[in-house]
Protein backbone atom coordinates (compact mmCIF):
# COMPACT_ATOMS: atom_id res chain seq x y z
CA MET A 1 54.20 -30.42 71.77
CA THR A 2 55.14 -28.85 75.08
CA ARG A 3 55.03 -25.23 74.08
CA PRO A 4 51.82 -23.40 73.10
CA LEU A 5 51.07 -23.36 69.34
CA VAL A 6 50.63 -19.91 67.97
CA ILE A 7 47.77 -19.14 65.69
CA GLY A 8 48.24 -16.08 63.41
CA SER A 9 45.25 -13.96 62.43
CA ARG A 10 44.50 -10.44 61.09
CA ARG A 11 43.10 -7.96 63.62
CA SER A 12 39.74 -7.35 62.10
CA GLY A 13 36.60 -8.27 64.02
CA LEU A 14 35.80 -11.05 61.56
CA ALA A 15 39.27 -12.39 61.49
CA ARG A 16 39.22 -12.56 65.30
CA VAL A 17 35.99 -14.54 65.36
CA GLN A 18 37.43 -16.94 62.69
CA ALA A 19 40.72 -17.47 64.68
CA GLU A 20 38.87 -18.06 67.92
CA TRP A 21 36.75 -20.70 66.10
CA VAL A 22 39.88 -22.43 65.04
CA LYS A 23 41.39 -22.14 68.53
CA SER A 24 38.34 -23.48 70.20
CA ALA A 25 38.03 -26.46 67.79
CA LEU A 26 41.64 -27.36 68.41
CA GLU A 27 41.31 -27.06 72.17
CA GLY A 28 38.34 -29.34 72.06
CA LEU A 29 40.19 -32.04 70.08
CA PHE A 30 43.61 -31.71 71.86
CA THR A 31 43.05 -31.05 75.51
CA GLY A 32 46.74 -31.56 76.42
CA GLN A 33 47.95 -28.91 74.04
CA SER A 34 47.64 -25.15 74.55
CA PHE A 35 47.03 -22.60 71.83
CA VAL A 36 47.38 -18.74 71.67
CA ILE A 37 46.48 -16.29 69.01
CA SER A 38 48.78 -13.62 67.66
CA PHE A 39 47.02 -10.72 65.90
CA LEU A 40 48.92 -9.09 63.10
CA GLU A 41 48.16 -5.94 61.00
CA THR A 42 48.27 -6.57 57.23
CA ALA A 43 48.79 -4.11 54.32
CA GLY A 44 45.19 -4.72 53.45
CA ASP A 45 44.02 -3.50 56.85
CA ARG A 46 46.06 -0.37 56.50
CA TRP A 47 44.75 0.20 53.03
CA SER A 48 41.22 -0.21 54.13
CA GLU A 49 41.68 2.24 57.06
CA ARG A 50 43.31 4.90 55.07
CA GLY A 51 40.92 4.77 52.19
CA GLU A 52 43.70 4.90 49.59
CA ALA A 53 42.52 4.73 46.01
CA SER A 54 45.11 2.25 44.61
CA LEU A 55 45.72 -1.29 45.82
CA PRO A 56 49.06 -2.14 47.38
CA GLY A 57 49.29 -5.32 45.45
CA THR A 58 48.28 -9.00 45.59
CA GLY A 59 48.07 -10.94 48.85
CA ILE A 60 47.30 -7.73 50.75
CA PHE A 61 45.50 -9.56 53.61
CA THR A 62 47.90 -12.47 53.85
CA LYS A 63 51.60 -11.57 53.23
CA GLU A 64 52.32 -10.51 56.83
CA LEU A 65 50.83 -13.79 58.13
CA GLU A 66 52.79 -15.83 55.68
CA SER A 67 56.02 -14.00 56.55
CA ALA A 68 55.44 -14.74 60.21
CA LEU A 69 54.94 -18.41 59.30
CA LEU A 70 58.10 -18.64 57.36
CA CYS A 71 60.01 -16.85 60.18
CA ARG A 72 58.49 -19.27 62.67
CA LYS A 73 56.84 -16.50 64.68
CA ILE A 74 53.53 -18.29 64.33
CA ASP A 75 52.74 -22.03 63.76
CA LEU A 76 49.54 -21.66 61.63
CA ALA A 77 47.68 -18.80 59.99
CA VAL A 78 43.89 -18.52 59.59
CA HIS A 79 42.62 -16.86 56.39
CA SER A 80 39.42 -16.29 54.64
CA MET A 81 40.00 -18.57 51.53
CA LYS A 82 38.89 -15.86 49.16
CA ASP A 83 41.79 -13.77 50.35
CA LEU A 84 44.60 -16.26 49.73
CA ALA A 85 46.55 -16.01 46.52
CA THR A 86 46.31 -18.95 44.18
CA GLU A 87 50.13 -19.45 44.41
CA LEU A 88 51.42 -19.83 47.94
CA PRO A 89 55.01 -18.97 49.07
CA LYS A 90 57.53 -21.71 48.83
CA GLY A 91 57.48 -23.87 51.98
CA LEU A 92 53.83 -23.18 52.86
CA ARG A 93 50.59 -25.18 52.22
CA ILE A 94 46.93 -25.08 52.99
CA ALA A 95 46.89 -27.77 55.71
CA ALA A 96 43.05 -27.58 56.30
CA VAL A 97 39.92 -26.11 54.76
CA SER A 98 37.07 -25.62 57.19
CA PRO A 99 33.37 -26.52 56.69
CA ARG A 100 31.76 -23.80 54.67
CA GLU A 101 29.52 -21.09 55.93
CA ASP A 102 26.87 -19.62 53.57
CA ALA A 103 28.76 -18.70 50.43
CA ARG A 104 26.15 -16.39 49.06
CA ASP A 105 26.30 -12.64 48.73
CA VAL A 106 23.56 -10.66 50.32
CA TRP A 107 21.83 -7.32 49.50
CA VAL A 108 21.95 -5.08 52.53
CA SER A 109 19.80 -1.91 52.57
CA ARG A 110 18.13 0.58 54.92
CA ARG A 111 15.71 1.71 52.23
CA PHE A 112 14.80 -1.16 49.93
CA SER A 113 13.86 -4.84 50.96
CA HIS A 114 15.19 -6.21 47.72
CA TRP A 115 17.59 -5.16 44.93
CA GLU A 116 14.70 -5.40 42.57
CA ALA A 117 12.91 -2.75 44.63
CA ALA A 118 15.79 -0.16 44.41
CA LEU A 119 14.75 2.98 42.53
CA PRO A 120 16.36 3.55 39.05
CA GLY A 121 19.29 5.85 39.22
CA THR A 122 19.99 5.22 42.92
CA THR A 123 23.50 4.28 44.09
CA VAL A 124 24.74 0.87 45.32
CA ALA A 125 28.00 0.77 47.28
CA VAL A 126 30.03 -2.23 46.21
CA GLY A 127 33.49 -3.51 47.21
CA SER A 128 34.57 -5.63 44.27
CA PRO A 129 34.52 -5.67 40.46
CA ARG A 130 33.13 -9.25 40.61
CA ARG A 131 29.95 -7.98 42.33
CA ILE A 132 29.49 -4.89 40.23
CA GLN A 133 29.83 -6.75 36.86
CA GLN A 134 27.25 -9.36 37.87
CA PHE A 135 24.98 -6.77 39.49
CA ARG A 136 24.93 -4.68 36.36
CA GLU A 137 23.35 -7.47 34.50
CA LEU A 138 20.52 -7.70 37.05
CA ARG A 139 20.08 -3.81 37.27
CA PRO A 140 21.75 -1.83 34.50
CA ASP A 141 19.61 1.15 35.60
CA LEU A 142 21.49 1.65 38.91
CA SER A 143 24.55 3.64 39.67
CA PHE A 144 27.55 2.30 41.60
CA CYS A 145 30.27 3.63 43.90
CA GLU A 146 33.10 1.92 45.71
CA ILE A 147 33.03 0.97 49.37
CA ARG A 148 35.97 -0.34 51.41
CA GLY A 149 36.66 -1.54 54.97
CA ASN A 150 35.66 -4.46 57.10
CA VAL A 151 32.00 -5.59 57.64
CA ASP A 152 31.33 -3.16 60.55
CA THR A 153 32.88 -0.25 58.66
CA ARG A 154 30.73 -0.87 55.58
CA LEU A 155 27.57 -1.04 57.65
CA ARG A 156 28.43 2.28 59.32
CA LYS A 157 29.17 3.85 55.90
CA LEU A 158 25.79 2.57 54.69
CA GLU A 159 24.05 4.25 57.70
CA ALA A 160 26.03 7.43 57.22
CA ASN A 161 24.95 7.72 53.51
CA PRO A 162 21.13 7.51 53.47
CA SER A 163 21.15 8.36 49.76
CA TRP A 164 22.63 4.94 48.97
CA SER A 165 20.12 2.35 47.96
CA GLY A 166 22.19 -0.49 49.45
CA THR A 167 25.34 -2.55 49.39
CA VAL A 168 26.41 -6.13 48.86
CA LEU A 169 28.21 -8.16 51.52
CA ALA A 170 29.19 -11.74 51.99
CA ALA A 171 26.58 -13.63 53.97
CA ALA A 172 29.33 -15.71 55.75
CA GLY A 173 30.82 -12.54 57.36
CA LEU A 174 27.41 -11.28 58.64
CA LYS A 175 26.57 -14.66 60.11
CA ARG A 176 29.87 -15.15 61.82
CA LEU A 177 29.66 -11.63 63.29
CA GLY A 178 26.04 -12.12 64.45
CA LEU A 179 24.99 -9.17 62.33
CA LEU A 180 22.00 -10.72 60.57
CA GLU A 181 19.78 -8.67 62.95
CA SER A 182 21.43 -5.38 62.17
CA GLY A 183 18.19 -3.61 61.40
CA CYS A 184 18.80 -3.63 57.72
CA HIS A 185 16.84 -5.35 54.91
CA LEU A 186 18.60 -8.45 53.71
CA ALA A 187 18.00 -10.39 50.40
CA TYR A 188 20.27 -13.22 49.38
CA PHE A 189 21.53 -13.44 45.86
CA PRO A 190 20.94 -16.95 44.41
CA PHE A 191 24.08 -18.50 42.78
CA GLU A 192 22.01 -18.42 39.55
CA VAL A 193 22.38 -14.61 39.39
CA MET A 194 25.54 -13.94 41.36
CA LEU A 195 28.48 -16.36 41.88
CA PRO A 196 30.62 -15.72 44.91
CA ALA A 197 34.39 -15.15 45.12
CA PRO A 198 36.37 -18.36 44.80
CA GLY A 199 36.60 -19.87 48.34
CA GLN A 200 33.99 -17.44 49.76
CA GLY A 201 32.55 -18.81 53.09
CA ALA A 202 35.43 -21.17 53.82
CA LEU A 203 38.46 -20.77 56.14
CA GLY A 204 41.92 -21.81 55.01
CA ILE A 205 44.49 -22.81 57.63
CA GLU A 206 48.05 -22.31 56.35
CA ALA A 207 51.05 -24.11 57.74
CA ARG A 208 54.69 -24.94 56.94
CA ILE A 209 55.05 -27.97 54.73
CA GLU A 210 57.84 -29.26 56.89
CA ASP A 211 55.78 -29.10 60.10
CA GLU A 212 54.27 -32.51 60.14
CA GLU A 213 53.12 -32.40 63.74
CA VAL A 214 51.02 -29.28 63.13
CA GLY A 215 49.64 -30.82 59.94
CA ARG A 216 48.48 -33.81 61.96
CA LEU A 217 46.73 -31.56 64.51
CA LEU A 218 44.86 -29.73 61.64
CA CYS A 219 43.65 -32.86 59.85
CA PRO A 220 40.47 -33.20 61.97
CA LEU A 221 39.48 -29.62 60.90
CA HIS A 222 39.62 -30.37 57.21
CA ASP A 223 36.38 -30.84 55.27
CA ASP A 224 37.02 -33.08 52.27
CA ALA A 225 34.02 -31.91 50.24
CA VAL A 226 34.69 -28.31 50.87
CA GLY A 227 38.36 -28.82 50.13
CA TRP A 228 37.49 -30.18 46.66
CA GLU A 229 35.03 -27.33 46.01
CA VAL A 230 37.69 -24.71 46.94
CA ALA A 231 40.43 -26.39 44.95
CA ALA A 232 38.19 -26.34 41.83
CA GLU A 233 37.33 -22.70 42.39
CA ARG A 234 40.90 -21.63 42.92
CA ALA A 235 42.10 -23.61 40.00
CA PHE A 236 39.53 -21.78 37.74
CA LEU A 237 40.89 -18.44 39.13
CA ARG A 238 44.41 -19.47 38.59
CA GLY A 239 43.68 -20.65 35.11
CA LEU A 240 42.28 -17.20 34.20
CA GLY A 241 45.34 -15.49 35.62
CA GLY A 242 43.21 -13.59 38.03
CA GLY A 243 43.67 -12.40 41.55
CA CYS A 244 41.34 -11.45 44.47
CA ARG A 245 40.46 -8.17 42.80
CA SER A 246 39.63 -9.74 39.43
CA ALA A 247 36.03 -9.83 38.39
CA VAL A 248 35.89 -13.61 38.78
CA GLY A 249 33.13 -15.69 40.50
CA ALA A 250 33.05 -19.43 41.06
CA LYS A 251 31.08 -21.87 43.03
CA ALA A 252 31.62 -25.65 43.13
CA THR A 253 29.34 -28.20 44.72
CA VAL A 254 30.22 -31.77 45.64
CA GLN A 255 27.45 -34.42 45.92
CA ARG A 256 28.21 -38.19 45.98
CA GLN A 257 31.72 -37.71 44.58
CA GLU A 258 30.45 -35.62 41.66
CA LEU A 259 31.64 -32.05 41.50
CA VAL A 260 29.73 -29.35 39.62
CA LEU A 261 31.63 -26.07 38.99
CA GLU A 262 30.17 -22.91 37.68
CA GLY A 263 32.44 -19.90 36.91
CA VAL A 264 31.89 -16.41 35.64
CA VAL A 265 34.46 -13.71 34.47
CA TRP A 266 34.17 -10.29 33.22
CA ILE A 267 36.25 -9.80 30.02
CA GLU A 268 36.91 -6.12 29.57
CA ALA A 269 37.83 -6.36 25.86
CA ARG A 270 34.47 -7.95 25.11
CA ARG A 271 32.56 -5.75 27.58
CA ARG A 272 30.56 -8.75 28.90
CA ASN A 273 30.48 -11.63 31.44
CA TYR A 274 31.28 -15.12 30.38
CA ARG A 275 29.65 -17.86 32.44
CA LYS A 276 30.15 -21.56 32.04
CA ARG A 277 29.66 -24.89 33.89
CA ARG A 278 31.45 -28.21 34.06
CA VAL A 279 30.76 -31.54 35.84
CA GLY A 280 33.24 -34.24 36.78
CA ARG A 281 34.56 -36.35 39.62
CA ALA A 282 35.40 -34.56 42.89
CA GLU A 283 38.96 -35.94 42.65
CA GLU A 284 39.44 -34.04 39.36
CA ALA A 285 38.71 -30.69 41.13
CA GLU A 286 41.79 -28.86 39.94
CA SER A 287 41.74 -30.15 36.37
CA LEU A 288 38.05 -29.21 36.11
CA GLY A 289 38.85 -25.70 37.23
CA LYS A 290 41.63 -25.37 34.85
CA ALA A 291 39.53 -26.79 31.86
CA LEU A 292 36.67 -24.35 32.67
CA ALA A 293 39.04 -21.40 32.63
CA GLU A 294 40.53 -22.59 29.27
CA GLU A 295 37.16 -23.05 27.73
CA ILE A 296 36.11 -19.42 28.61
CA LEU A 297 39.51 -17.96 27.50
CA SER A 298 39.17 -19.82 24.25
CA GLU A 299 35.69 -18.48 23.60
CA ALA A 300 36.50 -14.99 24.68
CA GLY A 301 39.80 -14.73 22.85
CA SER A 302 41.08 -12.34 25.58
CA PRO A 303 42.26 -12.48 29.17
CA PRO A 304 40.18 -11.06 31.99
CA ASP A 305 40.63 -7.50 33.23
CA SER A 306 42.63 -7.27 36.54
CA GLY A 307 39.69 -5.55 38.34
CA GLY A 308 40.21 -1.84 38.01
CA ALA A 309 38.12 0.98 39.27
CA ILE A 310 34.40 0.70 39.74
CA GLN A 311 32.73 2.91 37.00
């Protein structure tokens, strides 16, 4: 392709790092092709900055990028997989899923070295219903408040609120931004006690279905095992009818063509988490995710809550 290919990205610090990684990887593979990055502001960015109480809807971090793709203003879009809606706009596809960074959540605190050391009654600032509903099972004696903003903003808020016992962030974001040495205590949540958001730690590169040349360029960036893992996790989320603000966690692992999927969901009507596990072939990733969702819904007899406010 004679013209530069345009990579679309959000403007946040983490999104910039992720887009630069994709650009560098493509430049290393295709030395005769030039690439540029176009940074766009999304509804989610504006919501985070304004601190509005209500969410502006689904796909809040992706719609502007997808619109730019469909209008041919950009040629590919880089997303955190956990931000992508389970149903993509007509004409678009996930052309590549990157190798996965650490998918765990991590306890971050200036006061306590571990979530188990936090004093009863102290406040933990959390940014998702998924985290709070799993954390409550670990520490029902703690209080919780909502925190919004990108990784840097949340760390600044933690420093500005010394009464908070800590917060919970995605390890992948801290690592990509080089913030593991931020001066805070860190403790990683094992998957056994806190499942991450579906797709957490992986990047999804979205492109137009009709654009076969871009698809060929992106093929070398695709990780087959992670692609299967993410497909299973997203199928689980889709089967539950949930979105990125639902209290749903999932983690799949592929080893020797076998896929193990664990999923958890908070069912508001039952006031409890339901956690289940399924094993199958990696090629059956989507059907495994769907079956796991159906199993939980059948047992719970009620759909999950859409997320709602942190209480």
